[in-house]
């Protein structure tokens, strides 16, 4: 459960996520979609209850969770003066993933941001910045990817790239949880979680 002051947002939610599973979280504004993803990412703590990462009996350490969890959300801020490649390099090192420019270039190319990989992030459109944020989420083949409104600023080509990357990731046993009310994304999930 999670409350903000006296206002409950999530109440007695129980969820188990299997490897390779794609879960679509839907619900009206203010229903707790973003809050749930932030709790799963470790950005917020639940008011009551807990989140267990990893297999029973062998939970992930905080360092393992950082490496094993990818996250993208509208309020995730990257460094405007850095290029997409510099952002990904810096953030990979913070997460303990190590430097891998080829991996990062490949992700940016798959998401359609490859031609602008070395331009300052501040010079990119909102949609291209969103693609860089998504590359960060999938960086290093995490075991769990959390996407909050991942296609909100994307054109049809960008939406298709996200769908293709999500499908390819699921085949690699990467679990994906994303919050979205976009009608065309309903079919992307193996199951749906409706919030109130």
N, C-alpha and C. Protein backbone atom coordinates (compact mmCIF):
# COMPACT_ATOMS: atom_id res chain seq x y z
N UNK A 1 0.84 -1.19 0.00
CA UNK A 1 0.00 0.00 0.00
C UNK A 1 0.88 1.24 0.00
N UNK A 2 0.33 2.31 -0.55
CA UNK A 2 1.05 3.58 -0.55
C UNK A 2 0.03 4.70 -0.41
N UNK A 3 0.34 5.63 0.49
CA UNK A 3 -0.49 6.81 0.69
C UNK A 3 0.41 8.04 0.64
N UNK A 4 -0.17 9.15 0.20
CA UNK A 4 0.50 10.45 0.25
C UNK A 4 -0.27 11.29 1.27
N UNK A 5 0.37 11.58 2.41
CA UNK A 5 -0.31 12.23 3.54
C UNK A 5 -1.49 11.35 3.92
N UNK A 6 -2.71 11.88 3.84
CA UNK A 6 -3.89 11.09 4.21
C UNK A 6 -4.59 10.48 3.00
N UNK A 7 -4.01 10.61 1.82
CA UNK A 7 -4.67 10.15 0.60
C UNK A 7 -4.08 8.81 0.14
N UNK A 8 -4.83 7.71 0.31
CA UNK A 8 -4.34 6.42 -0.18
C UNK A 8 -4.36 6.36 -1.71
N UNK A 9 -3.29 5.78 -2.27
CA UNK A 9 -3.21 5.63 -3.72
C UNK A 9 -3.28 4.16 -4.10
N UNK A 10 -2.48 3.35 -3.44
CA UNK A 10 -2.50 1.90 -3.66
C UNK A 10 -2.89 1.24 -2.34
N UNK A 11 -3.76 0.23 -2.42
CA UNK A 11 -4.21 -0.41 -1.19
C UNK A 11 -4.17 -1.93 -1.35
N UNK A 12 -3.37 -2.60 -0.53
CA UNK A 12 -3.28 -4.06 -0.49
C UNK A 12 -3.05 -4.68 -1.87
N UNK A 13 -2.14 -4.12 -2.62
CA UNK A 13 -1.83 -4.65 -3.95
C UNK A 13 -0.82 -5.78 -3.80
N UNK A 14 -1.10 -6.90 -4.45
CA UNK A 14 -0.18 -8.03 -4.45
C UNK A 14 0.05 -8.43 -5.90
N UNK A 15 1.33 -8.58 -6.26
CA UNK A 15 1.68 -8.84 -7.65
C UNK A 15 2.96 -9.67 -7.69
N UNK A 16 2.95 -10.70 -8.50
CA UNK A 16 4.17 -11.48 -8.76
C UNK A 16 4.45 -11.39 -10.24
N UNK A 17 5.71 -11.11 -10.57
CA UNK A 17 6.11 -10.92 -11.96
C UNK A 17 7.07 -12.03 -12.34
N UNK A 18 6.72 -12.77 -13.37
CA UNK A 18 7.54 -13.90 -13.83
C UNK A 18 8.53 -13.43 -14.90
N UNK A 19 9.66 -14.13 -15.04
CA UNK A 19 10.62 -13.79 -16.10
C UNK A 19 9.94 -13.82 -17.48
N UNK A 20 10.21 -12.79 -18.27
CA UNK A 20 9.67 -12.71 -19.62
C UNK A 20 8.24 -12.25 -19.71
N UNK A 21 7.58 -12.01 -18.59
CA UNK A 21 6.18 -11.60 -18.60
C UNK A 21 6.06 -10.12 -18.92
N UNK A 22 5.00 -9.77 -19.65
CA UNK A 22 4.71 -8.38 -19.97
C UNK A 22 3.39 -8.02 -19.30
N UNK A 23 3.44 -7.07 -18.38
CA UNK A 23 2.25 -6.67 -17.63
C UNK A 23 1.94 -5.21 -17.97
N UNK A 24 0.71 -4.98 -18.41
CA UNK A 24 0.23 -3.64 -18.72
C UNK A 24 -0.57 -3.13 -17.53
N UNK A 25 -0.18 -1.99 -16.97
CA UNK A 25 -0.88 -1.37 -15.85
C UNK A 25 -1.71 -0.22 -16.41
N UNK A 26 -3.02 -0.29 -16.17
CA UNK A 26 -3.95 0.72 -16.69
C UNK A 26 -4.74 1.31 -15.55
N UNK A 27 -5.29 2.50 -15.79
CA UNK A 27 -6.14 3.14 -14.81
C UNK A 27 -6.19 4.64 -15.04
N UNK A 28 -7.18 5.29 -14.47
CA UNK A 28 -7.31 6.74 -14.66
C UNK A 28 -6.15 7.50 -14.01
N UNK A 29 -6.01 8.76 -14.39
CA UNK A 29 -4.99 9.61 -13.77
C UNK A 29 -5.19 9.62 -12.26
N UNK A 30 -4.08 9.49 -11.53
CA UNK A 30 -4.15 9.50 -10.08
C UNK A 30 -4.46 8.16 -9.45
N UNK A 31 -4.56 7.10 -10.27
CA UNK A 31 -4.91 5.78 -9.73
C UNK A 31 -3.71 5.04 -9.14
N UNK A 32 -2.49 5.54 -9.37
CA UNK A 32 -1.31 4.92 -8.77
C UNK A 32 -0.39 4.19 -9.73
N UNK A 33 -0.58 4.36 -11.03
CA UNK A 33 0.27 3.66 -12.00
C UNK A 33 1.74 4.04 -11.83
N UNK A 34 2.01 5.33 -11.84
CA UNK A 34 3.40 5.79 -11.70
C UNK A 34 3.93 5.45 -10.32
N UNK A 35 3.10 5.56 -9.31
CA UNK A 35 3.52 5.22 -7.94
C UNK A 35 3.95 3.76 -7.86
N UNK A 36 3.17 2.87 -8.47
CA UNK A 36 3.51 1.45 -8.46
C UNK A 36 4.87 1.22 -9.12
N UNK A 37 5.11 1.82 -10.28
CA UNK A 37 6.39 1.63 -10.95
C UNK A 37 7.55 2.18 -10.13
N UNK A 38 7.34 3.32 -9.47
CA UNK A 38 8.40 3.90 -8.64
C UNK A 38 8.70 3.00 -7.44
N UNK A 39 7.68 2.37 -6.89
CA UNK A 39 7.90 1.43 -5.79
C UNK A 39 8.69 0.22 -6.29
N UNK A 40 8.31 -0.32 -7.44
CA UNK A 40 9.03 -1.46 -8.00
C UNK A 40 10.48 -1.10 -8.33
N UNK A 41 10.71 0.14 -8.76
CA UNK A 41 12.06 0.58 -9.11
C UNK A 41 12.90 0.89 -7.88
N UNK A 42 12.26 0.99 -6.72
CA UNK A 42 12.99 1.33 -5.50
C UNK A 42 13.16 2.82 -5.30
N UNK A 43 12.45 3.62 -6.10
CA UNK A 43 12.51 5.08 -5.97
C UNK A 43 11.63 5.54 -4.80
N UNK A 44 10.52 4.85 -4.58
CA UNK A 44 9.61 5.10 -3.46
C UNK A 44 9.50 3.86 -2.61
N UNK A 45 9.26 4.04 -1.34
CA UNK A 45 8.98 2.92 -0.44
C UNK A 45 7.47 2.81 -0.26
N UNK A 46 6.94 1.60 -0.14
CA UNK A 46 5.52 1.47 0.17
C UNK A 46 5.25 1.97 1.59
N UNK A 47 4.05 2.48 1.82
CA UNK A 47 3.66 2.90 3.17
C UNK A 47 3.56 1.67 4.07
N UNK A 48 2.94 0.62 3.55
CA UNK A 48 2.90 -0.66 4.24
C UNK A 48 3.22 -1.75 3.23
N UNK A 49 3.78 -2.84 3.71
CA UNK A 49 4.13 -3.95 2.84
C UNK A 49 5.58 -3.85 2.39
N UNK A 50 5.94 -4.71 1.46
CA UNK A 50 7.32 -4.74 0.99
C UNK A 50 7.38 -5.26 -0.44
N UNK A 51 8.53 -5.08 -1.04
CA UNK A 51 8.80 -5.58 -2.38
C UNK A 51 10.00 -6.52 -2.26
N UNK A 52 9.87 -7.71 -2.80
CA UNK A 52 10.97 -8.68 -2.80
C UNK A 52 11.48 -8.83 -4.22
N UNK A 53 12.79 -8.68 -4.41
CA UNK A 53 13.41 -8.83 -5.72
C UNK A 53 14.19 -10.12 -5.73
N UNK A 54 14.10 -10.86 -6.81
CA UNK A 54 14.86 -12.10 -6.94
C UNK A 54 14.06 -13.29 -6.49
N UNK A 55 14.71 -14.42 -6.44
CA UNK A 55 14.05 -15.67 -6.07
C UNK A 55 13.89 -15.76 -4.56
N UNK A 56 12.83 -16.44 -4.09
CA UNK A 56 12.70 -16.64 -2.64
C UNK A 56 13.94 -17.32 -2.08
N UNK A 57 14.42 -16.81 -0.97
CA UNK A 57 15.61 -17.37 -0.35
C UNK A 57 16.91 -16.79 -0.86
N UNK A 58 16.87 -16.09 -2.02
CA UNK A 58 18.09 -15.45 -2.53
C UNK A 58 17.73 -14.08 -3.12
N UNK A 59 17.32 -13.15 -2.26
CA UNK A 59 16.92 -11.83 -2.76
C UNK A 59 18.11 -11.05 -3.32
N UNK A 60 17.80 -10.13 -4.23
CA UNK A 60 18.83 -9.29 -4.81
C UNK A 60 19.31 -8.28 -3.77
N UNK A 61 20.58 -7.99 -3.80
CA UNK A 61 21.11 -6.89 -3.00
C UNK A 61 20.71 -5.58 -3.69
N UNK A 62 20.82 -4.42 -3.02
CA UNK A 62 20.52 -3.15 -3.70
C UNK A 62 21.34 -2.95 -4.97
N UNK A 63 22.60 -3.38 -4.96
CA UNK A 63 23.44 -3.24 -6.15
C UNK A 63 22.94 -4.13 -7.29
N UNK A 64 22.53 -5.35 -6.95
CA UNK A 64 21.99 -6.26 -7.97
C UNK A 64 20.69 -5.70 -8.53
N UNK A 65 19.87 -5.12 -7.67
CA UNK A 65 18.59 -4.55 -8.12
C UNK A 65 18.84 -3.40 -9.09
N UNK A 66 19.83 -2.54 -8.81
CA UNK A 66 20.14 -1.43 -9.71
C UNK A 66 20.56 -1.94 -11.08
N UNK A 67 21.38 -3.00 -11.09
CA UNK A 67 21.82 -3.56 -12.38
C UNK A 67 20.70 -4.30 -13.09
N UNK A 68 19.81 -4.92 -12.31
CA UNK A 68 18.79 -5.81 -12.88
C UNK A 68 17.50 -5.10 -13.24
N UNK A 69 17.37 -3.81 -12.91
CA UNK A 69 16.11 -3.09 -13.14
C UNK A 69 16.35 -1.90 -14.05
N UNK A 70 15.58 -1.83 -15.13
CA UNK A 70 15.60 -0.67 -16.01
C UNK A 70 14.34 0.15 -15.79
N UNK A 71 14.45 1.47 -15.93
CA UNK A 71 13.32 2.35 -15.60
C UNK A 71 13.31 3.54 -16.54
N UNK A 72 12.14 3.85 -17.06
CA UNK A 72 11.94 5.04 -17.88
C UNK A 72 10.61 5.65 -17.51
N UNK A 73 10.61 6.97 -17.30
CA UNK A 73 9.38 7.68 -16.92
C UNK A 73 9.47 9.12 -17.42
N UNK A 74 8.32 9.79 -17.58
CA UNK A 74 8.35 11.18 -18.05
C UNK A 74 9.16 12.11 -17.15
N UNK A 75 9.23 11.82 -15.85
CA UNK A 75 9.97 12.71 -14.95
C UNK A 75 11.44 12.32 -14.79
N UNK A 76 11.90 11.32 -15.54
CA UNK A 76 13.32 10.95 -15.51
C UNK A 76 14.09 12.00 -16.31
N UNK A 77 15.04 12.64 -15.66
CA UNK A 77 15.79 13.70 -16.31
C UNK A 77 17.21 13.24 -16.62
N UNK A 78 17.58 13.42 -17.88
CA UNK A 78 18.94 13.13 -18.32
C UNK A 78 19.69 14.45 -18.45
N UNK A 79 20.98 14.39 -18.68
CA UNK A 79 21.80 15.59 -18.75
C UNK A 79 21.72 16.21 -20.15
N UNK A 80 21.15 17.40 -20.23
CA UNK A 80 20.91 18.08 -21.50
C UNK A 80 22.20 18.40 -22.25
N UNK A 81 23.29 18.69 -21.50
CA UNK A 81 24.54 19.07 -22.16
C UNK A 81 25.32 17.85 -22.65
N UNK A 82 24.97 16.65 -22.18
CA UNK A 82 25.61 15.42 -22.65
C UNK A 82 24.90 14.92 -23.90
N UNK A 83 25.62 14.18 -24.71
CA UNK A 83 24.99 13.51 -25.85
C UNK A 83 24.24 12.28 -25.34
N UNK A 84 23.37 11.69 -26.16
CA UNK A 84 22.75 10.43 -25.75
C UNK A 84 23.79 9.38 -25.34
N UNK A 85 24.87 9.24 -26.12
CA UNK A 85 25.90 8.25 -25.78
C UNK A 85 26.58 8.58 -24.45
N UNK A 86 26.86 9.84 -24.22
CA UNK A 86 27.49 10.23 -22.95
C UNK A 86 26.55 9.99 -21.78
N UNK A 87 25.26 10.27 -21.95
CA UNK A 87 24.28 9.99 -20.90
C UNK A 87 24.26 8.51 -20.58
N UNK A 88 24.18 7.68 -21.61
CA UNK A 88 24.10 6.24 -21.39
C UNK A 88 25.39 5.70 -20.76
N UNK A 89 26.52 6.22 -21.17
CA UNK A 89 27.80 5.80 -20.60
C UNK A 89 27.85 6.15 -19.11
N UNK A 90 27.51 7.38 -18.77
CA UNK A 90 27.54 7.83 -17.38
C UNK A 90 26.58 7.03 -16.52
N UNK A 91 25.35 6.84 -17.00
CA UNK A 91 24.34 6.13 -16.21
C UNK A 91 24.67 4.64 -16.08
N UNK A 92 25.26 4.05 -17.11
CA UNK A 92 25.67 2.64 -17.02
C UNK A 92 26.69 2.45 -15.91
N UNK A 93 27.65 3.38 -15.84
CA UNK A 93 28.67 3.27 -14.80
C UNK A 93 28.06 3.44 -13.41
N UNK A 94 27.08 4.34 -13.27
CA UNK A 94 26.40 4.50 -11.98
C UNK A 94 25.68 3.23 -11.56
N UNK A 95 25.11 2.52 -12.53
CA UNK A 95 24.37 1.29 -12.24
C UNK A 95 25.29 0.08 -12.11
N UNK A 96 26.58 0.25 -12.35
CA UNK A 96 27.51 -0.86 -12.24
C UNK A 96 27.52 -1.75 -13.46
N UNK A 97 27.08 -1.23 -14.59
CA UNK A 97 27.03 -2.03 -15.82
C UNK A 97 28.33 -1.98 -16.61
N UNK A 98 29.16 -0.99 -16.35
CA UNK A 98 30.39 -0.85 -17.10
C UNK A 98 30.16 -0.16 -18.44
N UNK A 99 31.25 0.29 -19.02
CA UNK A 99 31.17 0.99 -20.30
C UNK A 99 31.01 0.00 -21.44
N UNK A 100 30.15 0.33 -22.39
CA UNK A 100 29.96 -0.50 -23.57
C UNK A 100 29.34 0.35 -24.67
N UNK A 101 30.14 1.19 -25.35
CA UNK A 101 29.61 2.08 -26.38
C UNK A 101 28.88 1.35 -27.51
N UNK A 102 29.35 0.15 -27.87
CA UNK A 102 28.68 -0.60 -28.94
C UNK A 102 27.27 -0.99 -28.52
N UNK A 103 27.09 -1.45 -27.27
CA UNK A 103 25.77 -1.79 -26.74
C UNK A 103 24.86 -0.56 -26.80
N UNK A 104 25.40 0.58 -26.36
CA UNK A 104 24.59 1.79 -26.29
C UNK A 104 24.22 2.30 -27.69
N UNK A 105 25.16 2.25 -28.62
CA UNK A 105 24.85 2.65 -30.01
C UNK A 105 23.77 1.75 -30.61
N UNK A 106 23.88 0.45 -30.34
CA UNK A 106 22.90 -0.49 -30.86
C UNK A 106 21.50 -0.19 -30.32
N UNK A 107 21.40 0.08 -29.02
CA UNK A 107 20.10 0.41 -28.43
C UNK A 107 19.52 1.68 -29.03
N UNK A 108 20.34 2.71 -29.15
CA UNK A 108 19.87 3.96 -29.73
C UNK A 108 19.42 3.74 -31.18
N UNK A 109 20.15 2.94 -31.93
CA UNK A 109 19.78 2.66 -33.32
C UNK A 109 18.45 1.90 -33.37
N UNK A 110 18.28 0.91 -32.51
CA UNK A 110 17.04 0.13 -32.50
C UNK A 110 15.83 0.99 -32.17
N UNK A 111 16.06 2.05 -31.39
CA UNK A 111 14.96 2.94 -31.01
C UNK A 111 14.84 4.16 -31.93
N UNK A 112 15.67 4.22 -32.96
CA UNK A 112 15.56 5.30 -33.95
C UNK A 112 16.25 6.59 -33.56
N UNK A 113 17.16 6.55 -32.58
CA UNK A 113 17.89 7.75 -32.18
C UNK A 113 19.36 7.68 -32.58
N UNK A 114 19.73 6.66 -33.31
CA UNK A 114 21.13 6.46 -33.68
C UNK A 114 21.78 7.63 -34.41
N UNK A 115 21.12 8.24 -35.40
CA UNK A 115 21.76 9.34 -36.12
C UNK A 115 22.09 10.56 -35.25
N UNK A 116 21.44 10.67 -34.10
CA UNK A 116 21.68 11.83 -33.21
C UNK A 116 22.43 11.43 -31.94
N UNK A 117 23.10 10.29 -31.96
CA UNK A 117 23.74 9.73 -30.77
C UNK A 117 24.81 10.62 -30.17
N UNK A 118 25.42 11.51 -30.99
CA UNK A 118 26.51 12.33 -30.48
C UNK A 118 26.15 13.80 -30.38
N UNK A 119 24.91 14.15 -30.65
CA UNK A 119 24.45 15.53 -30.51
C UNK A 119 24.09 15.81 -29.05
N UNK A 120 24.20 17.05 -28.60
CA UNK A 120 23.76 17.35 -27.23
C UNK A 120 22.28 17.00 -27.06
N UNK A 121 21.96 16.36 -25.95
CA UNK A 121 20.57 15.96 -25.69
C UNK A 121 19.63 17.15 -25.77
N UNK A 122 20.09 18.31 -25.30
CA UNK A 122 19.25 19.51 -25.31
C UNK A 122 18.83 19.96 -26.69
N UNK A 123 19.53 19.49 -27.73
CA UNK A 123 19.19 19.87 -29.11
C UNK A 123 18.18 18.91 -29.74
N UNK A 124 17.79 17.86 -29.01
CA UNK A 124 16.88 16.86 -29.57
C UNK A 124 15.43 17.19 -29.27
N UNK A 125 14.55 16.67 -30.09
CA UNK A 125 13.11 16.84 -29.88
C UNK A 125 12.67 16.03 -28.66
N UNK A 126 11.48 16.30 -28.18
CA UNK A 126 10.93 15.56 -27.03
C UNK A 126 10.85 14.07 -27.33
N UNK A 127 10.44 13.72 -28.55
CA UNK A 127 10.33 12.31 -28.92
C UNK A 127 11.68 11.61 -28.94
N UNK A 128 12.72 12.29 -29.43
CA UNK A 128 14.05 11.68 -29.44
C UNK A 128 14.61 11.54 -28.02
N UNK A 129 14.33 12.52 -27.17
CA UNK A 129 14.75 12.40 -25.77
C UNK A 129 14.07 11.20 -25.11
N UNK A 130 12.81 10.99 -25.46
CA UNK A 130 12.08 9.84 -24.93
C UNK A 130 12.75 8.54 -25.37
N UNK A 131 13.21 8.48 -26.59
CA UNK A 131 13.89 7.28 -27.08
C UNK A 131 15.20 7.02 -26.33
N UNK A 132 15.90 8.10 -25.96
CA UNK A 132 17.13 7.95 -25.17
C UNK A 132 16.79 7.42 -23.77
N UNK A 133 15.73 7.93 -23.19
CA UNK A 133 15.28 7.45 -21.88
C UNK A 133 14.93 5.97 -21.94
N UNK A 134 14.30 5.55 -23.01
CA UNK A 134 13.95 4.14 -23.18
C UNK A 134 15.21 3.28 -23.37
N UNK A 135 16.20 3.81 -24.07
CA UNK A 135 17.47 3.08 -24.21
C UNK A 135 18.09 2.86 -22.84
N UNK A 136 18.01 3.85 -21.97
CA UNK A 136 18.52 3.71 -20.61
C UNK A 136 17.80 2.56 -19.89
N UNK A 137 16.49 2.45 -20.07
CA UNK A 137 15.72 1.41 -19.39
C UNK A 137 16.14 0.01 -19.83
N UNK A 138 16.46 -0.16 -21.10
CA UNK A 138 16.81 -1.49 -21.62
C UNK A 138 18.31 -1.77 -21.59
N UNK A 139 19.09 -0.82 -21.14
CA UNK A 139 20.55 -0.93 -21.14
C UNK A 139 21.01 -2.10 -20.26
N UNK A 140 21.91 -2.90 -20.78
CA UNK A 140 22.51 -3.97 -20.00
C UNK A 140 21.63 -5.19 -19.83
N UNK A 141 20.61 -5.37 -20.67
CA UNK A 141 19.70 -6.52 -20.57
C UNK A 141 19.22 -6.76 -19.14
N UNK A 142 18.48 -5.81 -18.57
CA UNK A 142 18.00 -5.98 -17.20
C UNK A 142 17.01 -7.14 -17.12
N UNK A 143 16.74 -7.61 -15.92
CA UNK A 143 15.78 -8.69 -15.74
C UNK A 143 14.36 -8.15 -15.62
N UNK A 144 14.23 -6.87 -15.24
CA UNK A 144 12.93 -6.22 -15.10
C UNK A 144 13.03 -4.82 -15.68
N UNK A 145 12.12 -4.48 -16.59
CA UNK A 145 12.06 -3.14 -17.18
C UNK A 145 10.72 -2.52 -16.80
N UNK A 146 10.78 -1.30 -16.27
CA UNK A 146 9.60 -0.56 -15.83
C UNK A 146 9.45 0.66 -16.73
N UNK A 147 8.33 0.76 -17.43
CA UNK A 147 8.11 1.83 -18.39
C UNK A 147 6.84 2.60 -18.04
N UNK A 148 6.97 3.87 -17.77
CA UNK A 148 5.84 4.72 -17.43
C UNK A 148 5.52 5.58 -18.65
N UNK A 149 4.35 5.34 -19.26
CA UNK A 149 3.92 6.05 -20.46
C UNK A 149 5.04 6.07 -21.52
N UNK A 150 5.51 4.90 -21.93
CA UNK A 150 6.70 4.84 -22.78
C UNK A 150 6.53 5.40 -24.18
N UNK A 151 5.31 5.48 -24.68
CA UNK A 151 5.13 5.95 -26.06
C UNK A 151 4.42 7.29 -26.13
N UNK A 152 4.29 7.97 -25.02
CA UNK A 152 3.53 9.21 -24.95
C UNK A 152 3.97 10.29 -25.93
N UNK A 153 5.25 10.40 -26.22
CA UNK A 153 5.75 11.45 -27.10
C UNK A 153 6.28 10.91 -28.42
N UNK A 154 5.92 9.66 -28.73
CA UNK A 154 6.51 9.03 -29.91
C UNK A 154 5.56 8.98 -31.09
N UNK A 155 6.14 9.03 -32.29
CA UNK A 155 5.37 8.83 -33.51
C UNK A 155 5.17 7.33 -33.73
N UNK A 156 4.50 6.98 -34.80
CA UNK A 156 4.19 5.57 -35.06
C UNK A 156 5.46 4.72 -35.19
N UNK A 157 6.50 5.27 -35.82
CA UNK A 157 7.75 4.54 -35.97
C UNK A 157 8.37 4.28 -34.60
N UNK A 158 8.33 5.27 -33.73
CA UNK A 158 8.86 5.11 -32.38
C UNK A 158 8.08 4.09 -31.57
N UNK A 159 6.75 4.13 -31.70
CA UNK A 159 5.90 3.17 -30.99
C UNK A 159 6.22 1.74 -31.45
N UNK A 160 6.39 1.57 -32.75
CA UNK A 160 6.70 0.24 -33.28
C UNK A 160 8.06 -0.22 -32.78
N UNK A 161 9.03 0.70 -32.68
CA UNK A 161 10.36 0.33 -32.17
C UNK A 161 10.29 -0.13 -30.72
N UNK A 162 9.49 0.56 -29.91
CA UNK A 162 9.33 0.15 -28.51
C UNK A 162 8.67 -1.21 -28.42
N UNK A 163 7.61 -1.41 -29.21
CA UNK A 163 6.92 -2.71 -29.22
C UNK A 163 7.87 -3.83 -29.62
N UNK A 164 8.66 -3.61 -30.68
CA UNK A 164 9.59 -4.64 -31.15
C UNK A 164 10.65 -4.94 -30.09
N UNK A 165 11.17 -3.90 -29.44
CA UNK A 165 12.18 -4.11 -28.40
C UNK A 165 11.59 -4.85 -27.20
N UNK A 166 10.34 -4.51 -26.84
CA UNK A 166 9.68 -5.19 -25.72
C UNK A 166 9.45 -6.66 -26.06
N UNK A 167 9.02 -6.96 -27.26
CA UNK A 167 8.80 -8.35 -27.67
C UNK A 167 10.11 -9.14 -27.69
N UNK A 168 11.17 -8.53 -28.23
CA UNK A 168 12.47 -9.22 -28.26
C UNK A 168 12.99 -9.44 -26.85
N UNK A 169 12.78 -8.47 -25.96
CA UNK A 169 13.24 -8.59 -24.58
C UNK A 169 12.50 -9.69 -23.84
N UNK A 170 11.20 -9.79 -24.06
CA UNK A 170 10.41 -10.84 -23.40
C UNK A 170 10.92 -12.22 -23.79
N UNK A 171 11.36 -12.37 -25.04
CA UNK A 171 11.91 -13.66 -25.48
C UNK A 171 13.23 -13.99 -24.78
N UNK A 172 13.87 -12.96 -24.21
CA UNK A 172 15.12 -13.15 -23.46
C UNK A 172 14.84 -13.26 -21.95
N UNK A 173 13.57 -13.48 -21.61
CA UNK A 173 13.14 -13.60 -20.21
C UNK A 173 13.27 -12.31 -19.41
N UNK A 174 13.23 -11.17 -20.09
CA UNK A 174 13.20 -9.88 -19.41
C UNK A 174 11.73 -9.53 -19.16
N UNK A 175 11.36 -9.37 -17.91
CA UNK A 175 9.99 -9.00 -17.56
C UNK A 175 9.81 -7.50 -17.78
N UNK A 176 8.63 -7.13 -18.26
CA UNK A 176 8.35 -5.72 -18.54
C UNK A 176 7.02 -5.36 -17.90
N UNK A 177 7.03 -4.27 -17.13
CA UNK A 177 5.81 -3.70 -16.57
C UNK A 177 5.73 -2.28 -17.09
N UNK A 178 4.63 -1.96 -17.78
CA UNK A 178 4.50 -0.58 -18.24
C UNK A 178 3.11 -0.06 -17.96
N UNK A 179 3.09 1.24 -17.63
CA UNK A 179 1.86 1.94 -17.33
C UNK A 179 1.45 2.74 -18.54
N UNK A 180 0.24 2.50 -19.02
CA UNK A 180 -0.23 3.21 -20.20
C UNK A 180 -1.73 3.04 -20.34
N UNK A 181 -2.37 4.08 -20.85
CA UNK A 181 -3.78 4.00 -21.20
C UNK A 181 -3.97 4.08 -22.71
N UNK A 182 -2.88 3.93 -23.47
CA UNK A 182 -2.98 3.98 -24.93
C UNK A 182 -3.74 2.75 -25.43
N UNK A 183 -4.84 2.95 -26.18
CA UNK A 183 -5.65 1.81 -26.62
C UNK A 183 -4.89 0.78 -27.45
N UNK A 184 -3.95 1.24 -28.31
CA UNK A 184 -3.25 0.28 -29.18
C UNK A 184 -2.19 -0.52 -28.43
N UNK A 185 -1.93 -0.20 -27.15
CA UNK A 185 -0.95 -0.95 -26.38
C UNK A 185 -1.59 -2.06 -25.55
N UNK A 186 -2.90 -2.15 -25.58
CA UNK A 186 -3.59 -3.16 -24.78
C UNK A 186 -3.13 -4.57 -25.13
N UNK A 187 -2.89 -4.82 -26.40
CA UNK A 187 -2.50 -6.17 -26.85
C UNK A 187 -1.04 -6.49 -26.56
N UNK A 188 -0.26 -5.52 -26.06
CA UNK A 188 1.16 -5.77 -25.84
C UNK A 188 1.41 -6.62 -24.61
N UNK A 189 0.49 -6.67 -23.68
CA UNK A 189 0.73 -7.36 -22.43
C UNK A 189 0.23 -8.78 -22.41
N UNK A 190 0.91 -9.62 -21.61
CA UNK A 190 0.43 -10.96 -21.36
C UNK A 190 -0.75 -10.93 -20.39
N UNK A 191 -0.73 -9.93 -19.52
CA UNK A 191 -1.88 -9.70 -18.64
C UNK A 191 -1.94 -8.23 -18.28
N UNK A 192 -3.14 -7.84 -17.79
CA UNK A 192 -3.37 -6.44 -17.44
C UNK A 192 -3.66 -6.32 -15.97
N UNK A 193 -3.20 -5.21 -15.39
CA UNK A 193 -3.50 -4.86 -14.02
C UNK A 193 -4.27 -3.55 -14.06
N UNK A 194 -5.53 -3.59 -13.67
CA UNK A 194 -6.37 -2.39 -13.68
C UNK A 194 -6.36 -1.75 -12.31
N UNK A 195 -5.97 -0.50 -12.25
CA UNK A 195 -5.99 0.25 -11.00
C UNK A 195 -7.20 1.19 -10.99
N UNK A 196 -7.71 1.41 -9.79
CA UNK A 196 -8.96 2.06 -9.59
C UNK A 196 -9.19 3.44 -9.76
